[in-house]
Amino acid sequence: MKIGELAVESSTPIETIRYYEREGLLPAPARTQGNFRVYDASHKERLLFVRFCRGLDMSLDEVRVLLRFKDAPAEDCGDVDALLDEHIGHVSTRIRELRALEKQLKELRARCGVSQSADKCGILSGMTRAAQNPPESKRAKGHLRSVHST
């Protein structure tokens, strides 16, 4: 199938497919004499796997590790377990961050109960003060805040 067909069958934008190829997540497809990419069922299966992992908010590096194990089915999967345990930790951290964000937004929202001029807006003044003193990031290095949008 051509890239457009793969895009439709996998519900993946063409640019995303090309990006995954450049990143080495998808093997280079065969080419026709007219230099069109030609994909087969294995490309679709791998693309769907990558998309599923991304939907679990996994980084590209995490997906690469999982693909290495898929490509070597006889290997011990202990590292897969460790990767998933680490990812669960990232997700737990992100949940805590999102709860803190929700609390902060609710506190900001509580500053303004009536419509008034913007120069008297409690929300805007609170955001301006907070922007002057941003908190130190406690996020784990190497893991993105959200990686599932691609």
Protein backbone atom coordinates (compact mmCIF):
# COMPACT_ATOMS: atom_id res chain seq x y z
CA MET A 1 0.00 0.00 0.00
CA LYS A 2 1.07 3.60 -0.52
CA ILE A 3 1.60 6.02 2.36
CA GLY A 4 -1.86 7.55 1.94
CA GLU A 5 -3.49 4.15 2.30
CA LEU A 6 -1.39 3.37 5.37
CA ALA A 7 -2.37 6.74 6.82
CA VAL A 8 -6.06 6.01 6.35
CA GLU A 9 -5.87 2.41 7.60
CA SER A 10 -3.94 3.41 10.70
CA SER A 11 -5.63 6.79 11.32
CA THR A 12 -2.17 8.37 11.29
CA PRO A 13 -1.22 11.58 9.50
CA ILE A 14 1.25 11.10 6.64
CA GLU A 15 3.75 13.47 8.27
CA THR A 16 3.67 11.37 11.44
CA ILE A 17 4.43 8.23 9.44
CA ARG A 18 7.37 9.97 7.77
CA TYR A 19 8.55 11.26 11.16
CA TYR A 20 8.48 7.75 12.65
CA GLU A 21 10.50 6.54 9.66
CA ARG A 22 13.11 9.28 10.19
CA GLU A 23 13.25 8.39 13.89
CA GLY A 24 13.87 4.73 13.05
CA LEU A 25 10.62 3.50 14.60
CA LEU A 26 9.38 2.25 11.24
CA PRO A 27 11.67 0.46 8.80
CA ALA A 28 12.20 2.11 5.45
CA PRO A 29 9.61 0.83 3.02
CA ALA A 30 10.37 -0.57 -0.39
CA ARG A 31 10.16 1.87 -3.29
CA THR A 32 8.49 1.54 -6.65
CA GLN A 33 10.28 2.43 -9.87
CA GLY A 34 8.54 5.79 -9.60
CA ASN A 35 10.12 6.18 -6.10
CA PHE A 36 6.82 5.85 -4.21
CA ARG A 37 6.96 4.26 -0.77
CA VAL A 38 5.28 0.84 -0.64
CA TYR A 39 4.22 -0.44 2.77
CA ASP A 40 3.07 -3.89 3.79
CA ALA A 41 1.13 -5.39 6.69
CA SER A 42 4.23 -5.45 8.93
CA HIS A 43 4.54 -1.66 8.61
CA LYS A 44 0.92 -1.22 9.60
CA GLU A 45 1.28 -3.57 12.58
CA ARG A 46 4.40 -1.76 13.79
CA LEU A 47 2.83 1.66 13.27
CA LEU A 48 -0.23 0.65 15.26
CA PHE A 49 2.04 -0.62 18.05
CA VAL A 50 3.95 2.68 18.10
CA ARG A 51 0.70 4.65 18.16
CA PHE A 52 -0.62 2.51 21.01
CA CYS A 53 2.54 3.14 23.03
CA ARG A 54 2.31 6.86 22.33
CA GLY A 55 -1.30 6.72 23.50
CA LEU A 56 0.06 5.36 26.79
CA ASP A 57 2.12 8.58 26.95
CA MET A 58 5.40 6.77 26.31
CA SER A 59 8.35 8.70 24.96
CA LEU A 60 9.96 7.79 21.65
CA ASP A 61 12.95 6.37 23.55
CA GLU A 62 10.65 4.11 25.58
CA VAL A 63 8.96 2.96 22.37
CA ARG A 64 12.39 2.23 20.83
CA VAL A 65 13.25 -0.05 23.75
CA LEU A 66 9.97 -1.92 23.42
CA LEU A 67 10.47 -2.30 19.67
CA ARG A 68 13.95 -3.74 20.24
CA PHE A 69 12.38 -6.46 22.35
CA LYS A 70 9.61 -7.06 19.83
CA ASP A 71 12.33 -7.50 17.21
CA ALA A 72 14.18 -9.99 19.45
CA PRO A 73 11.38 -12.23 20.79
CA ALA A 74 13.76 -14.74 22.41
CA GLU A 75 15.26 -12.12 24.75
CA ASP A 76 14.39 -11.97 28.44
CA CYS A 77 11.72 -9.32 28.98
CA GLY A 78 12.90 -8.18 32.40
CA ASP A 79 13.91 -4.82 30.95
CA VAL A 80 10.40 -4.43 29.55
CA ASP A 81 9.04 -4.89 33.08
CA ALA A 82 11.50 -2.32 34.41
CA LEU A 83 10.61 0.13 31.64
CA LEU A 84 6.92 -0.19 32.41
CA ASP A 85 7.54 0.21 36.15
CA GLU A 86 9.51 3.38 35.46
CA HIS A 87 6.78 4.66 33.15
CA ILE A 88 4.16 4.01 35.82
CA GLY A 89 6.29 6.20 38.10
CA HIS A 90 6.28 8.96 35.46
CA VAL A 91 2.51 8.68 35.16
CA SER A 92 2.08 8.85 38.95
CA THR A 93 4.25 11.96 39.05
CA ARG A 94 2.24 13.51 36.23
CA ILE A 95 -1.02 12.77 38.07
CA ARG A 96 0.34 14.58 41.15
CA GLU A 97 1.41 17.50 38.92
CA LEU A 98 -2.03 17.65 37.32
CA ARG A 99 -3.76 17.62 40.71
CA ALA A 100 -1.51 20.49 41.84
CA LEU A 101 -2.30 22.31 38.60
CA GLU A 102 -6.02 21.82 39.14
CA LYS A 103 -5.72 23.21 42.68
CA GLN A 104 -3.75 26.20 41.44
CA LEU A 105 -6.31 26.93 38.71
CA LYS A 106 -9.19 26.66 41.17
CA GLU A 107 -7.40 29.04 43.55
CA LEU A 108 -6.92 31.49 40.70
CA ARG A 109 -10.55 31.15 39.65
CA ALA A 110 -11.69 31.86 43.21
CA ARG A 111 -9.96 35.28 43.05
CA CYS A 112 -12.55 36.64 40.69
CA GLY A 113 -16.26 36.20 41.29
CA VAL A 114 -17.71 39.09 39.33
CA SER A 115 -17.12 40.65 35.97
CA GLN A 116 -15.03 43.80 36.18
CA SER A 117 -12.34 45.66 34.27
CA ALA A 118 -9.26 43.64 33.38
CA ASP A 119 -6.99 45.92 35.45
CA LYS A 120 -8.88 44.79 38.58
CA CYS A 121 -9.07 41.12 37.63
CA GLY A 122 -7.91 38.91 40.49
CA ILE A 123 -7.08 36.07 38.12
CA LEU A 124 -4.79 38.17 35.93
CA SER A 125 -3.05 39.77 38.93
CA GLY A 126 -2.56 36.36 40.56
CA MET A 127 -1.12 34.94 37.34
CA THR A 128 1.18 37.94 36.97
CA ARG A 129 2.52 37.49 40.53
CA ALA A 130 2.96 33.75 40.07
CA ALA A 131 4.81 34.27 36.77
CA GLN A 132 7.38 36.39 38.59
CA ASN A 133 8.24 33.50 40.92
CA PRO A 134 7.92 30.23 38.97
CA PRO A 135 8.32 27.06 41.06
CA GLU A 136 11.31 24.79 40.57
CA SER A 137 10.46 21.85 38.33
CA LYS A 138 10.49 18.52 40.17
CA ARG A 139 9.77 16.52 37.02
CA ALA A 140 11.98 13.56 36.25
CA LYS A 141 14.60 14.38 33.65
CA GLY A 142 14.20 12.81 30.26
CA HIS A 143 10.44 12.34 30.37
CA LEU A 144 8.15 14.74 28.64
CA ARG A 145 5.16 16.33 30.28
CA SER A 146 2.91 14.84 27.63
CA VAL A 147 4.00 12.82 24.66
CA HIS A 148 0.80 11.41 23.27
CA SER A 149 -0.18 14.25 20.96
CA THR A 150 1.80 12.96 18.01
